[in-house]
N, C-alpha and C. Protein backbone atom coordinates (compact mmCIF):
# COMPACT_ATOMS: atom_id res chain seq x y z
N MET A 1 -39.58 54.06 104.27
CA MET A 1 -38.87 54.20 103.00
C MET A 1 -39.87 53.92 101.88
N ASN A 2 -39.93 54.81 100.91
CA ASN A 2 -40.88 54.60 99.82
C ASN A 2 -40.37 53.53 98.86
N GLU A 3 -41.35 52.91 98.20
CA GLU A 3 -41.02 51.83 97.27
C GLU A 3 -40.44 52.40 95.97
N MET A 4 -39.46 51.71 95.43
CA MET A 4 -38.86 52.10 94.17
C MET A 4 -39.31 51.13 93.09
N THR A 5 -39.28 51.60 91.88
CA THR A 5 -39.60 50.72 90.77
C THR A 5 -38.43 49.77 90.53
N MET A 6 -38.68 48.74 89.78
CA MET A 6 -37.61 47.78 89.46
C MET A 6 -36.48 48.49 88.71
N GLU A 7 -36.82 49.40 87.83
CA GLU A 7 -35.79 50.11 87.07
C GLU A 7 -34.94 50.98 87.99
N GLU A 8 -35.57 51.63 88.96
CA GLU A 8 -34.82 52.44 89.92
C GLU A 8 -33.90 51.57 90.77
N GLU A 9 -34.41 50.40 91.17
CA GLU A 9 -33.57 49.51 91.96
C GLU A 9 -32.40 48.99 91.12
N LYS A 10 -32.67 48.70 89.87
CA LYS A 10 -31.59 48.26 88.96
C LYS A 10 -30.51 49.33 88.90
N ASN A 11 -30.91 50.58 88.81
CA ASN A 11 -29.95 51.68 88.75
C ASN A 11 -29.16 51.82 90.05
N ILE A 12 -29.83 51.62 91.19
CA ILE A 12 -29.14 51.67 92.49
C ILE A 12 -28.08 50.56 92.55
N ILE A 13 -28.45 49.37 92.11
CA ILE A 13 -27.50 48.24 92.13
C ILE A 13 -26.31 48.55 91.23
N ALA A 14 -26.57 49.08 90.06
CA ALA A 14 -25.48 49.44 89.14
C ALA A 14 -24.56 50.48 89.79
N GLN A 15 -25.15 51.44 90.47
CA GLN A 15 -24.36 52.46 91.15
C GLN A 15 -23.56 51.85 92.30
N ALA A 16 -24.16 50.90 93.02
CA ALA A 16 -23.50 50.27 94.16
C ALA A 16 -22.27 49.47 93.74
N LYS A 17 -22.19 49.10 92.48
CA LYS A 17 -21.03 48.36 91.99
C LYS A 17 -19.76 49.20 92.01
N THR A 18 -19.92 50.52 91.97
CA THR A 18 -18.75 51.40 91.99
C THR A 18 -18.75 52.35 93.18
N ASP A 19 -19.86 52.43 93.90
CA ASP A 19 -19.99 53.36 95.03
C ASP A 19 -20.68 52.62 96.18
N TYR A 20 -19.88 52.21 97.17
CA TYR A 20 -20.43 51.43 98.27
C TYR A 20 -21.46 52.19 99.09
N GLN A 21 -21.45 53.52 99.04
CA GLN A 21 -22.47 54.28 99.76
C GLN A 21 -23.86 54.04 99.16
N ALA A 22 -23.93 53.74 97.88
CA ALA A 22 -25.21 53.42 97.24
C ALA A 22 -25.76 52.10 97.77
N PHE A 23 -24.91 51.27 98.33
CA PHE A 23 -25.34 49.99 98.89
C PHE A 23 -26.23 50.21 100.12
N ASP A 24 -26.12 51.38 100.75
CA ASP A 24 -26.94 51.70 101.93
C ASP A 24 -28.43 51.50 101.65
N TYR A 25 -28.89 51.91 100.47
CA TYR A 25 -30.30 51.75 100.12
C TYR A 25 -30.70 50.28 100.19
N LEU A 26 -29.88 49.41 99.61
CA LEU A 26 -30.19 47.98 99.60
C LEU A 26 -30.21 47.42 101.01
N TYR A 27 -29.26 47.85 101.82
CA TYR A 27 -29.20 47.42 103.21
C TYR A 27 -30.46 47.85 103.96
N GLU A 28 -30.80 49.12 103.87
CA GLU A 28 -31.97 49.65 104.58
C GLU A 28 -33.26 48.98 104.13
N LYS A 29 -33.36 48.66 102.86
CA LYS A 29 -34.58 48.05 102.34
C LYS A 29 -34.71 46.59 102.73
N TYR A 30 -33.65 45.83 102.63
CA TYR A 30 -33.74 44.37 102.80
C TYR A 30 -33.32 43.83 104.16
N MET A 31 -32.58 44.59 104.94
CA MET A 31 -32.10 44.08 106.22
C MET A 31 -33.22 43.67 107.17
N PRO A 32 -34.28 44.47 107.34
CA PRO A 32 -35.31 44.06 108.31
C PRO A 32 -35.94 42.69 107.99
N ALA A 33 -36.25 42.44 106.73
CA ALA A 33 -36.87 41.17 106.35
C ALA A 33 -35.88 40.01 106.53
N ILE A 34 -34.63 40.24 106.16
CA ILE A 34 -33.62 39.18 106.31
C ILE A 34 -33.39 38.91 107.79
N PHE A 35 -33.34 39.97 108.59
CA PHE A 35 -33.14 39.78 110.02
C PHE A 35 -34.29 38.99 110.63
N ARG A 36 -35.54 39.33 110.27
CA ARG A 36 -36.70 38.59 110.79
C ARG A 36 -36.60 37.11 110.43
N TYR A 37 -36.24 36.81 109.20
CA TYR A 37 -36.12 35.42 108.77
C TYR A 37 -35.03 34.68 109.57
N VAL A 38 -33.89 35.31 109.70
CA VAL A 38 -32.78 34.67 110.44
C VAL A 38 -33.17 34.49 111.91
N MET A 39 -33.81 35.48 112.52
CA MET A 39 -34.26 35.36 113.90
C MET A 39 -35.23 34.19 114.05
N TYR A 40 -36.11 34.04 113.10
CA TYR A 40 -37.07 32.93 113.12
C TYR A 40 -36.35 31.58 113.10
N ARG A 41 -35.24 31.54 112.40
CA ARG A 41 -34.50 30.28 112.27
C ARG A 41 -33.57 29.98 113.45
N VAL A 42 -32.95 31.01 114.04
CA VAL A 42 -31.93 30.76 115.07
C VAL A 42 -32.39 31.10 116.49
N TYR A 43 -33.46 31.88 116.65
CA TYR A 43 -34.00 32.24 117.97
C TYR A 43 -32.98 32.87 118.91
N ASN A 44 -32.00 33.58 118.37
CA ASN A 44 -31.00 34.23 119.21
C ASN A 44 -30.59 35.54 118.53
N GLN A 45 -30.84 36.66 119.20
CA GLN A 45 -30.61 37.96 118.58
C GLN A 45 -29.15 38.18 118.20
N GLU A 46 -28.24 37.85 119.10
CA GLU A 46 -26.81 38.07 118.82
C GLU A 46 -26.35 37.24 117.62
N THR A 47 -26.76 35.99 117.57
CA THR A 47 -26.40 35.12 116.45
C THR A 47 -27.02 35.64 115.16
N ALA A 48 -28.29 36.06 115.23
CA ALA A 48 -28.96 36.59 114.04
C ALA A 48 -28.24 37.84 113.53
N GLU A 49 -27.84 38.72 114.44
CA GLU A 49 -27.11 39.93 114.04
C GLU A 49 -25.80 39.57 113.35
N ASP A 50 -25.09 38.59 113.88
CA ASP A 50 -23.83 38.15 113.27
C ASP A 50 -24.06 37.59 111.86
N ILE A 51 -25.08 36.77 111.72
CA ILE A 51 -25.38 36.16 110.42
C ILE A 51 -25.76 37.22 109.40
N VAL A 52 -26.64 38.13 109.80
CA VAL A 52 -27.08 39.19 108.88
C VAL A 52 -25.90 40.08 108.50
N SER A 53 -25.05 40.37 109.45
CA SER A 53 -23.85 41.16 109.16
C SER A 53 -22.98 40.47 108.11
N THR A 54 -22.80 39.18 108.27
CA THR A 54 -21.99 38.41 107.32
C THR A 54 -22.65 38.39 105.94
N VAL A 55 -23.96 38.21 105.92
CA VAL A 55 -24.70 38.19 104.65
C VAL A 55 -24.49 39.49 103.88
N PHE A 56 -24.66 40.61 104.57
CA PHE A 56 -24.53 41.90 103.88
C PHE A 56 -23.08 42.24 103.55
N TYR A 57 -22.15 41.79 104.36
CA TYR A 57 -20.74 41.99 104.03
C TYR A 57 -20.41 41.25 102.72
N LYS A 58 -20.84 40.01 102.63
CA LYS A 58 -20.57 39.23 101.42
C LYS A 58 -21.30 39.81 100.20
N ALA A 59 -22.53 40.28 100.41
CA ALA A 59 -23.28 40.88 99.31
C ALA A 59 -22.58 42.14 98.81
N MET A 60 -22.11 42.97 99.74
CA MET A 60 -21.41 44.19 99.34
C MET A 60 -20.09 43.86 98.65
N LYS A 61 -19.37 42.92 99.20
CA LYS A 61 -18.07 42.54 98.64
C LYS A 61 -18.20 41.98 97.23
N ASN A 62 -19.30 41.29 96.97
CA ASN A 62 -19.48 40.62 95.67
C ASN A 62 -20.54 41.26 94.79
N ILE A 63 -20.92 42.50 95.08
CA ILE A 63 -21.96 43.18 94.29
C ILE A 63 -21.59 43.27 92.81
N SER A 64 -20.31 43.31 92.52
CA SER A 64 -19.89 43.40 91.12
C SER A 64 -20.27 42.15 90.32
N LEU A 65 -20.52 41.05 91.00
CA LEU A 65 -20.91 39.80 90.33
C LEU A 65 -22.41 39.70 90.10
N PHE A 66 -23.18 40.61 90.70
CA PHE A 66 -24.64 40.54 90.61
C PHE A 66 -25.09 40.76 89.18
N LYS A 67 -25.97 39.90 88.70
CA LYS A 67 -26.55 40.02 87.36
C LYS A 67 -28.04 40.32 87.51
N TRP A 68 -28.51 41.36 86.85
CA TRP A 68 -29.92 41.75 86.92
C TRP A 68 -30.76 40.71 86.20
N ARG A 69 -31.80 40.20 86.89
CA ARG A 69 -32.68 39.18 86.32
C ARG A 69 -34.15 39.59 86.42
N LYS A 70 -34.40 40.89 86.50
CA LYS A 70 -35.74 41.45 86.55
C LYS A 70 -36.52 40.98 87.78
N ILE A 71 -35.81 40.72 88.87
CA ILE A 71 -36.42 40.42 90.16
C ILE A 71 -35.72 41.28 91.21
N PRO A 72 -36.36 41.56 92.32
CA PRO A 72 -35.71 42.41 93.33
C PRO A 72 -34.40 41.80 93.83
N PHE A 73 -33.53 42.66 94.27
CA PHE A 73 -32.24 42.30 94.82
C PHE A 73 -32.41 41.27 95.91
């Protein structure tokens, strides 16, 4: 996946607030790094998958509360 500028990511986030399909980009970009971190902490693939699933569910559910602070999502 090619890198996007901060402005492009800001626009994706704004779009994801009204279109959950736009959230796919955020999931695809950030899930691998979050999964690696959780795996490092819990040492169990099934548990890590459950945690990451919960993290992204909550992020998607509450995307409307996200405030842009000029840092990546």
